[in-house]
Amino acid sequence: MRTSNIFSGIPATTGEESTEKIIRSGTAAIERIISRGHSSPPGFWYDQDDNEWVILLKGRAGLLFQGDREPTILTPGDYVNIPAHLKHRIEWTDPAEETVWLAIRY
C-alpha cells in the first residue's frame, strides 16, 4: 500500500488551473484541483451532468450559484454539495497562495 499527501507535488504556477484525477471507479471520481487567482471566464457557468461534493482544503474562494446575488465564500474546511445541473461559477480564488480543492463527482 502506497500513501500520498494531498499537498505534495503541487505544480509550480503555470497560469492554468490544475486538475488531477486521484481515483475513478464506476460512476464516481475524486479529483484534486489547484487554483491560484483563477476564476471562471466572464459569462461562463458550470452545468455538470454529475453531482459534485467539494471541500476547500487550503486558500480561499468565492463560489457563485446562479440566482444568488453574492458568492459563497469558502475557507479551509468548508464544503458544499452541488447537485447536477445547478449552474455555478468560480468568482475568484486567492491570488496570494494556492487554493486546494478536493472534489468528488458522483
N, C-alpha and C. Protein backbone atom coordinates (compact mmCIF):
# COMPACT_ATOMS: atom_id res chain seq x y z
N MET A 1 0.86 -1.17 0.00
CA MET A 1 0.00 0.00 0.00
C MET A 1 0.90 1.22 0.00
N ARG A 2 0.68 2.13 -0.92
CA ARG A 2 1.45 3.37 -1.01
C ARG A 2 0.61 4.53 -0.50
N THR A 3 1.19 5.40 0.30
CA THR A 3 0.47 6.58 0.77
C THR A 3 0.93 7.80 -0.01
N SER A 4 0.07 8.78 -0.05
CA SER A 4 0.36 10.05 -0.71
C SER A 4 -0.14 11.17 0.19
N ASN A 5 0.26 12.38 -0.12
CA ASN A 5 -0.17 13.55 0.62
C ASN A 5 -0.83 14.51 -0.35
N ILE A 6 -2.02 14.99 0.00
CA ILE A 6 -2.80 15.86 -0.90
C ILE A 6 -2.06 17.15 -1.24
N PHE A 7 -1.11 17.56 -0.38
CA PHE A 7 -0.39 18.81 -0.61
C PHE A 7 0.97 18.60 -1.30
N SER A 8 1.34 17.36 -1.56
CA SER A 8 2.63 17.13 -2.23
C SER A 8 2.47 17.20 -3.74
N GLY A 9 3.55 17.57 -4.39
CA GLY A 9 3.55 17.59 -5.85
C GLY A 9 2.69 18.67 -6.45
N ILE A 10 2.44 19.75 -5.71
CA ILE A 10 1.66 20.85 -6.28
C ILE A 10 2.50 21.50 -7.37
N PRO A 11 1.97 21.58 -8.58
CA PRO A 11 2.78 22.13 -9.68
C PRO A 11 3.08 23.61 -9.48
N ALA A 12 4.21 24.04 -10.02
CA ALA A 12 4.56 25.46 -9.99
C ALA A 12 3.48 26.24 -10.74
N THR A 13 3.28 27.47 -10.36
CA THR A 13 2.27 28.30 -11.00
C THR A 13 2.55 28.39 -12.50
N THR A 14 1.57 27.98 -13.29
CA THR A 14 1.72 28.00 -14.75
C THR A 14 0.71 28.94 -15.40
N GLY A 15 -0.14 29.53 -14.60
CA GLY A 15 -1.19 30.37 -15.17
C GLY A 15 -2.47 29.59 -15.44
N GLU A 16 -2.39 28.28 -15.40
CA GLU A 16 -3.55 27.43 -15.64
C GLU A 16 -3.96 26.74 -14.35
N GLU A 17 -5.24 26.52 -14.21
CA GLU A 17 -5.73 25.71 -13.09
C GLU A 17 -5.33 24.27 -13.35
N SER A 18 -5.02 23.52 -12.31
CA SER A 18 -4.57 22.14 -12.43
C SER A 18 -5.61 21.20 -11.83
N THR A 19 -5.99 20.18 -12.57
CA THR A 19 -6.91 19.16 -12.07
C THR A 19 -6.24 17.80 -12.22
N GLU A 20 -6.22 17.05 -11.13
CA GLU A 20 -5.60 15.73 -11.12
C GLU A 20 -6.60 14.70 -10.62
N LYS A 21 -6.87 13.69 -11.45
CA LYS A 21 -7.74 12.60 -11.02
C LYS A 21 -6.96 11.72 -10.05
N ILE A 22 -7.50 11.52 -8.87
CA ILE A 22 -6.85 10.68 -7.87
C ILE A 22 -7.39 9.26 -7.96
N ILE A 23 -8.72 9.14 -8.04
CA ILE A 23 -9.36 7.83 -8.14
C ILE A 23 -10.58 7.95 -9.05
N ARG A 24 -10.78 6.94 -9.87
CA ARG A 24 -12.00 6.82 -10.65
C ARG A 24 -12.48 5.40 -10.53
N SER A 25 -13.76 5.24 -10.17
CA SER A 25 -14.34 3.91 -10.02
C SER A 25 -15.82 3.98 -10.37
N GLY A 26 -16.20 3.28 -11.41
CA GLY A 26 -17.61 3.29 -11.81
C GLY A 26 -18.06 4.70 -12.15
N THR A 27 -19.07 5.17 -11.42
CA THR A 27 -19.62 6.50 -11.70
C THR A 27 -19.06 7.57 -10.77
N ALA A 28 -18.07 7.23 -9.95
CA ALA A 28 -17.50 8.20 -9.01
C ALA A 28 -16.06 8.54 -9.38
N ALA A 29 -15.67 9.78 -9.10
CA ALA A 29 -14.29 10.20 -9.33
C ALA A 29 -13.90 11.18 -8.22
N ILE A 30 -12.65 11.08 -7.79
CA ILE A 30 -12.09 12.01 -6.81
C ILE A 30 -10.97 12.77 -7.50
N GLU A 31 -11.01 14.11 -7.39
CA GLU A 31 -10.03 14.95 -8.06
C GLU A 31 -9.43 15.96 -7.09
N ARG A 32 -8.17 16.29 -7.32
CA ARG A 32 -7.53 17.41 -6.63
C ARG A 32 -7.45 18.54 -7.64
N ILE A 33 -7.92 19.72 -7.22
CA ILE A 33 -7.88 20.90 -8.08
C ILE A 33 -7.03 21.95 -7.40
N ILE A 34 -6.10 22.53 -8.15
CA ILE A 34 -5.22 23.58 -7.63
C ILE A 34 -5.51 24.85 -8.42
N SER A 35 -5.86 25.91 -7.70
CA SER A 35 -6.14 27.22 -8.31
C SER A 35 -5.25 28.26 -7.64
N ARG A 36 -4.91 29.30 -8.37
CA ARG A 36 -4.19 30.43 -7.78
C ARG A 36 -4.59 31.67 -8.57
N GLY A 37 -5.55 32.41 -8.00
CA GLY A 37 -6.03 33.60 -8.68
C GLY A 37 -6.91 33.31 -9.88
N HIS A 38 -7.40 32.09 -9.98
CA HIS A 38 -8.25 31.72 -11.12
C HIS A 38 -9.71 32.07 -10.86
N SER A 39 -10.44 32.24 -11.94
CA SER A 39 -11.88 32.44 -11.88
C SER A 39 -12.48 31.91 -13.18
N SER A 40 -13.79 31.72 -13.18
CA SER A 40 -14.47 31.31 -14.41
C SER A 40 -14.45 32.47 -15.39
N PRO A 41 -14.39 32.18 -16.69
CA PRO A 41 -14.44 33.26 -17.68
C PRO A 41 -15.75 34.04 -17.57
N PRO A 42 -15.73 35.31 -17.93
CA PRO A 42 -16.97 36.11 -17.88
C PRO A 42 -18.11 35.42 -18.62
N GLY A 43 -19.25 35.34 -17.97
CA GLY A 43 -20.44 34.76 -18.58
C GLY A 43 -20.49 33.24 -18.58
N PHE A 44 -19.42 32.58 -18.13
CA PHE A 44 -19.38 31.11 -18.14
C PHE A 44 -19.98 30.56 -16.86
N TRP A 45 -20.80 29.51 -17.00
CA TRP A 45 -21.40 28.80 -15.86
C TRP A 45 -21.14 27.32 -16.03
N TYR A 46 -20.67 26.66 -14.96
CA TYR A 46 -20.59 25.21 -14.98
C TYR A 46 -22.01 24.66 -14.92
N ASP A 47 -22.30 23.68 -15.75
CA ASP A 47 -23.59 22.99 -15.77
C ASP A 47 -23.27 21.51 -15.96
N GLN A 48 -22.96 20.84 -14.87
CA GLN A 48 -22.40 19.49 -14.91
C GLN A 48 -23.48 18.42 -14.85
N ASP A 49 -23.21 17.31 -15.52
CA ASP A 49 -24.14 16.19 -15.52
C ASP A 49 -24.10 15.38 -14.22
N ASP A 50 -23.00 15.51 -13.47
CA ASP A 50 -22.83 14.75 -12.23
C ASP A 50 -23.03 15.65 -11.01
N ASN A 51 -23.41 15.04 -9.89
CA ASN A 51 -23.36 15.73 -8.60
C ASN A 51 -21.89 15.92 -8.25
N GLU A 52 -21.59 16.95 -7.46
CA GLU A 52 -20.21 17.19 -7.06
C GLU A 52 -20.18 17.67 -5.61
N TRP A 53 -19.45 16.95 -4.78
CA TRP A 53 -19.18 17.36 -3.41
C TRP A 53 -17.76 17.88 -3.42
N VAL A 54 -17.55 19.09 -2.91
CA VAL A 54 -16.23 19.70 -2.94
C VAL A 54 -15.90 20.30 -1.58
N ILE A 55 -14.65 20.10 -1.14
CA ILE A 55 -14.16 20.70 0.10
C ILE A 55 -12.93 21.52 -0.24
N LEU A 56 -12.85 22.69 0.37
CA LEU A 56 -11.68 23.54 0.19
C LEU A 56 -10.70 23.22 1.32
N LEU A 57 -9.50 22.82 0.96
CA LEU A 57 -8.50 22.39 1.94
C LEU A 57 -7.50 23.48 2.28
N LYS A 58 -7.23 24.38 1.35
CA LYS A 58 -6.24 25.44 1.55
C LYS A 58 -6.62 26.61 0.65
N GLY A 59 -6.37 27.84 1.13
CA GLY A 59 -6.67 29.03 0.33
C GLY A 59 -8.06 29.56 0.62
N ARG A 60 -8.57 30.32 -0.34
CA ARG A 60 -9.92 30.91 -0.23
C ARG A 60 -10.49 31.00 -1.63
N ALA A 61 -11.84 31.01 -1.69
CA ALA A 61 -12.50 31.10 -2.99
C ALA A 61 -13.90 31.67 -2.82
N GLY A 62 -14.39 32.26 -3.89
CA GLY A 62 -15.77 32.73 -3.97
C GLY A 62 -16.51 31.92 -5.02
N LEU A 63 -17.55 31.20 -4.60
CA LEU A 63 -18.33 30.32 -5.47
C LEU A 63 -19.72 30.92 -5.61
N LEU A 64 -20.13 31.22 -6.84
CA LEU A 64 -21.43 31.85 -7.09
C LEU A 64 -22.37 30.85 -7.74
N PHE A 65 -23.57 30.72 -7.17
CA PHE A 65 -24.61 29.88 -7.75
C PHE A 65 -25.57 30.78 -8.50
N GLN A 66 -26.02 30.31 -9.67
CA GLN A 66 -26.93 31.11 -10.48
C GLN A 66 -28.16 31.47 -9.65
N GLY A 67 -28.52 32.75 -9.68
CA GLY A 67 -29.66 33.24 -8.91
C GLY A 67 -29.26 33.90 -7.61
N ASP A 68 -28.05 33.62 -7.12
CA ASP A 68 -27.56 34.27 -5.91
C ASP A 68 -26.97 35.63 -6.28
N ARG A 69 -27.07 36.59 -5.38
CA ARG A 69 -26.51 37.91 -5.63
C ARG A 69 -25.03 37.99 -5.27
N GLU A 70 -24.64 37.25 -4.25
CA GLU A 70 -23.27 37.29 -3.75
C GLU A 70 -22.68 35.88 -3.74
N PRO A 71 -21.37 35.78 -3.97
CA PRO A 71 -20.75 34.45 -3.92
C PRO A 71 -20.70 33.91 -2.49
N THR A 72 -20.69 32.61 -2.38
CA THR A 72 -20.43 31.92 -1.12
C THR A 72 -18.92 31.90 -0.94
N ILE A 73 -18.45 32.41 0.19
CA ILE A 73 -17.01 32.44 0.46
C ILE A 73 -16.62 31.14 1.14
N LEU A 74 -15.63 30.45 0.57
CA LEU A 74 -15.13 29.21 1.13
C LEU A 74 -13.74 29.42 1.70
N THR A 75 -13.53 28.90 2.90
CA THR A 75 -12.22 28.92 3.56
C THR A 75 -11.89 27.48 3.94
N PRO A 76 -10.66 27.19 4.35
CA PRO A 76 -10.29 25.81 4.63
C PRO A 76 -11.28 25.10 5.57
N GLY A 77 -11.69 23.92 5.12
CA GLY A 77 -12.64 23.11 5.86
C GLY A 77 -14.07 23.24 5.38
N ASP A 78 -14.38 24.30 4.62
CA ASP A 78 -15.74 24.48 4.10
C ASP A 78 -15.99 23.51 2.94
N TYR A 79 -17.18 22.94 2.93
CA TYR A 79 -17.54 22.06 1.82
C TYR A 79 -18.97 22.34 1.39
N VAL A 80 -19.26 21.92 0.17
CA VAL A 80 -20.59 22.13 -0.40
C VAL A 80 -20.90 20.97 -1.33
N ASN A 81 -22.18 20.58 -1.37
CA ASN A 81 -22.65 19.59 -2.31
C ASN A 81 -23.39 20.32 -3.43
N ILE A 82 -22.96 20.12 -4.65
CA ILE A 82 -23.55 20.81 -5.80
C ILE A 82 -24.31 19.77 -6.63
N PRO A 83 -25.64 19.82 -6.61
CA PRO A 83 -26.42 18.87 -7.41
C PRO A 83 -26.15 19.05 -8.91
N ALA A 84 -26.30 17.97 -9.64
CA ALA A 84 -26.15 18.03 -11.10
C ALA A 84 -27.03 19.14 -11.67
N HIS A 85 -26.49 19.86 -12.62
CA HIS A 85 -27.17 20.93 -13.36
C HIS A 85 -27.49 22.17 -12.55
N LEU A 86 -26.96 22.29 -11.33
CA LEU A 86 -27.07 23.55 -10.61
C LEU A 86 -25.94 24.44 -11.14
N LYS A 87 -26.30 25.44 -11.89
CA LYS A 87 -25.29 26.28 -12.53
C LYS A 87 -24.53 27.09 -11.48
N HIS A 88 -23.21 27.10 -11.65
CA HIS A 88 -22.34 27.78 -10.70
C HIS A 88 -21.06 28.21 -11.41
N ARG A 89 -20.34 29.11 -10.76
CA ARG A 89 -19.08 29.60 -11.33
C ARG A 89 -18.13 29.97 -10.20
N ILE A 90 -16.85 29.99 -10.51
CA ILE A 90 -15.84 30.44 -9.56
C ILE A 90 -15.63 31.92 -9.81
N GLU A 91 -16.00 32.74 -8.85
CA GLU A 91 -15.83 34.19 -8.98
C GLU A 91 -14.37 34.59 -8.78
N TRP A 92 -13.71 33.93 -7.83
CA TRP A 92 -12.29 34.23 -7.58
C TRP A 92 -11.69 33.15 -6.70
N THR A 93 -10.37 33.02 -6.80
CA THR A 93 -9.60 32.23 -5.84
C THR A 93 -8.44 33.12 -5.38
N ASP A 94 -7.89 32.78 -4.24
CA ASP A 94 -6.84 33.58 -3.62
C ASP A 94 -5.64 33.73 -4.57
N PRO A 95 -5.25 34.97 -4.90
CA PRO A 95 -4.10 35.14 -5.78
C PRO A 95 -2.76 35.01 -5.06
N ALA A 96 -2.78 35.05 -3.72
CA ALA A 96 -1.53 35.05 -2.95
C ALA A 96 -1.02 33.65 -2.60
N GLU A 97 -1.91 32.64 -2.65
CA GLU A 97 -1.49 31.28 -2.34
C GLU A 97 -2.35 30.30 -3.12
N GLU A 98 -1.89 29.06 -3.19
CA GLU A 98 -2.68 28.04 -3.87
C GLU A 98 -3.98 27.81 -3.13
N THR A 99 -5.02 27.61 -3.88
CA THR A 99 -6.29 27.14 -3.35
C THR A 99 -6.38 25.67 -3.74
N VAL A 100 -6.48 24.81 -2.73
CA VAL A 100 -6.50 23.36 -2.97
C VAL A 100 -7.91 22.85 -2.65
N TRP A 101 -8.52 22.24 -3.65
CA TRP A 101 -9.87 21.68 -3.55
C TRP A 101 -9.78 20.16 -3.65
N LEU A 102 -10.67 19.48 -2.99
CA LEU A 102 -10.87 18.04 -3.21
C LEU A 102 -12.31 17.90 -3.66
N ALA A 103 -12.49 17.35 -4.86
CA ALA A 103 -13.82 17.23 -5.44
C ALA A 103 -14.17 15.76 -5.64
N ILE A 104 -15.38 15.40 -5.27
CA ILE A 104 -15.88 14.06 -5.51
C ILE A 104 -17.09 14.19 -6.44
N ARG A 105 -16.96 13.63 -7.61
CA ARG A 105 -18.06 13.64 -8.58
C ARG A 105 -18.74 12.28 -8.54
N TYR A 106 -20.06 12.32 -8.45
CA TYR A 106 -20.80 11.05 -8.35
C TYR A 106 -22.13 11.15 -9.08
